[in-house]
Protein backbone atom coordinates (compact mmCIF):
# COMPACT_ATOMS: atom_id res chain seq x y z
CA GLN A 1 16.35 4.89 8.82
CA VAL A 2 13.54 2.89 7.28
CA GLN A 3 13.10 1.64 3.75
CA LEU A 4 9.85 0.60 2.09
CA VAL A 5 10.40 -1.62 -0.93
CA GLU A 6 7.44 -2.13 -3.23
CA SER A 7 6.94 -4.75 -5.91
CA GLY A 8 4.22 -6.22 -8.07
CA GLY A 9 3.19 -3.38 -10.34
CA GLY A 10 2.83 -3.74 -14.08
CA GLN A 11 0.41 -3.68 -16.94
CA VAL A 12 -2.78 -5.72 -17.05
CA GLN A 13 -5.94 -5.87 -19.12
CA PRO A 14 -9.26 -4.67 -17.72
CA GLY A 15 -10.74 -7.32 -15.48
CA GLY A 16 -7.33 -8.68 -14.58
CA SER A 17 -5.55 -8.91 -11.25
CA LEU A 18 -2.30 -7.75 -9.71
CA ARG A 19 -0.80 -8.15 -6.26
CA LEU A 20 1.34 -5.43 -4.76
CA SER A 21 3.79 -6.05 -1.92
CA CYS A 22 5.62 -3.64 0.33
CA ALA A 23 8.29 -4.68 2.82
CA ALA A 24 9.51 -2.34 5.52
CA SER A 25 12.99 -2.69 6.95
CA GLY A 26 15.38 -0.73 9.12
CA SER A 27 14.97 0.93 12.49
CA ILE A 28 11.49 -0.32 13.40
CA PHE A 29 10.09 -0.98 16.85
CA SER A 30 6.46 -1.28 15.84
CA ILE A 31 4.26 -0.42 12.89
CA ASN A 32 0.95 1.23 13.71
CA ALA A 33 -0.47 1.05 10.20
CA MET A 34 0.51 0.33 6.64
CA GLY A 35 -1.36 1.28 3.54
CA TRP A 36 -1.48 2.08 -0.11
CA TYR A 37 -2.09 5.39 -1.81
CA ARG A 38 -2.21 6.17 -5.50
CA THR A 39 -1.66 9.11 -7.79
CA ALA A 40 -3.40 9.02 -11.14
CA PRO A 41 -2.40 11.37 -13.98
CA GLY A 42 -3.74 14.84 -13.30
CA LYS A 43 -5.13 13.90 -9.89
CA GLN A 44 -4.09 14.24 -6.29
CA ARG A 45 -2.78 11.35 -4.25
CA GLU A 46 -5.59 9.41 -2.62
CA LEU A 47 -5.85 6.68 -0.02
CA VAL A 48 -6.62 3.29 -1.54
CA SER A 49 -6.55 1.12 1.55
CA ARG A 50 -4.98 0.91 4.97
CA ILE A 51 -4.56 -1.76 7.64
CA THR A 52 -3.69 -1.22 11.28
CA SER A 53 -1.61 -3.38 13.59
CA ASP A 54 -4.75 -5.02 14.99
CA GLY A 55 -6.02 -5.87 11.51
CA SER A 56 -8.60 -3.14 11.07
CA THR A 57 -8.97 -2.12 7.44
CA ASN A 58 -10.48 0.66 5.40
CA TYR A 59 -10.90 1.11 1.67
CA ALA A 60 -11.68 3.86 -0.78
CA ASP A 61 -15.24 3.51 -2.04
CA SER A 62 -13.93 3.07 -5.58
CA VAL A 63 -12.08 -0.16 -4.70
CA LYS A 64 -14.41 -1.77 -2.16
CA GLY A 65 -15.26 -5.31 -3.15
CA ARG A 66 -12.36 -5.49 -5.63
CA PHE A 67 -9.20 -4.88 -3.58
CA ILE A 68 -8.08 -6.73 -0.47
CA ILE A 69 -5.36 -5.52 1.86
CA SER A 70 -3.48 -7.86 4.16
CA ARG A 71 -0.45 -7.75 6.37
CA ASP A 72 2.27 -10.05 7.67
CA ASN A 73 3.36 -8.47 10.94
CA ALA A 74 6.30 -10.84 11.36
CA LYS A 75 7.71 -9.71 8.01
CA ASN A 76 6.64 -6.05 8.28
CA THR A 77 5.01 -6.52 4.91
CA VAL A 78 1.71 -5.34 3.49
CA TYR A 79 -0.03 -6.72 0.42
CA LEU A 80 -2.71 -5.35 -1.86
CA GLN A 81 -4.60 -7.87 -3.95
CA MET A 82 -6.25 -5.99 -6.78
CA ASN A 83 -8.99 -7.80 -8.69
CA SER A 84 -11.38 -6.76 -11.45
CA LEU A 85 -9.05 -3.96 -12.38
CA LYS A 86 -10.41 -1.03 -14.34
CA PRO A 87 -8.67 1.55 -16.52
CA GLU A 88 -9.41 4.15 -13.85
CA ASP A 89 -7.20 2.18 -11.46
CA THR A 90 -4.21 3.21 -13.55
CA ALA A 91 -1.87 5.14 -11.27
CA VAL A 92 1.39 5.09 -9.41
CA TYR A 93 0.78 3.22 -6.17
CA TYR A 94 2.71 4.22 -3.07
CA CYS A 95 3.21 2.23 0.09
CA ASN A 96 2.94 4.10 3.39
CA ALA A 97 3.90 3.13 6.92
CA LEU A 98 3.26 4.81 10.27
CA LEU A 99 5.75 3.44 12.76
CA ARG A 100 7.73 3.87 15.95
CA HIS A 101 11.48 3.56 16.03
CA SER A 102 11.91 2.83 19.72
CA TYR A 103 10.19 1.47 22.80
CA PHE A 104 11.29 4.64 24.60
CA SER A 105 9.57 7.04 22.23
CA THR A 106 5.90 7.32 21.34
CA TYR A 107 6.65 9.45 18.30
CA VAL A 108 5.04 7.99 15.17
CA ASP A 109 7.04 8.54 12.00
CA ASN A 110 5.68 8.52 8.46
CA TYR A 111 7.43 6.78 5.55
CA TRP A 112 6.72 6.36 1.84
CA GLY A 113 7.85 3.89 -0.76
CA GLN A 114 9.22 4.92 -4.13
CA GLY A 115 6.03 4.04 -5.98
CA THR A 116 5.11 1.32 -8.45
CA GLN A 117 3.24 1.86 -11.70
CA VAL A 118 -0.02 0.03 -12.32
CA THR A 119 -1.46 0.34 -15.82
CA VAL A 120 -4.83 -1.13 -16.76
CA SER A 121 -5.28 -1.10 -20.50
CA SER A 122 -6.36 -3.31 -23.34
C-alpha cells in the first residue's frame, strides 16, 4: 500500500503565502507524476498543478504566475508554493500520485491524500 501525507494548510490573509507538502511512502517503484487538486465549496474537484518525473509542469489558468510546484524525487515529495493567495483559492487541497509498484509491472496506480484545508480570508 501507499500513503500520501499532506501538510502545510491553514488560514491566511489575502495576498499571503502558504506552502503545501505531500510525501508518498510505501510500496513504490517509481512515481510518474504528482500533483495537487482542490475542491472548493459547491464546486467540483479541479486540477491545480501537476509535475511529472522529468520535471514537466502544468497549472490551472487561475493559479499561473502565483503558484509554483516542485518535487524532490529522492524523498517522493511534492511541494506547492502558493503566493498572492486570493479568497477564491479557499478549498480543500488534495495530493495525487500516479505510480508503479514494481519493476515487473507497467500498471500505473492512482492515489490520493486525505486533503488539507486552505482558507484565504481577512
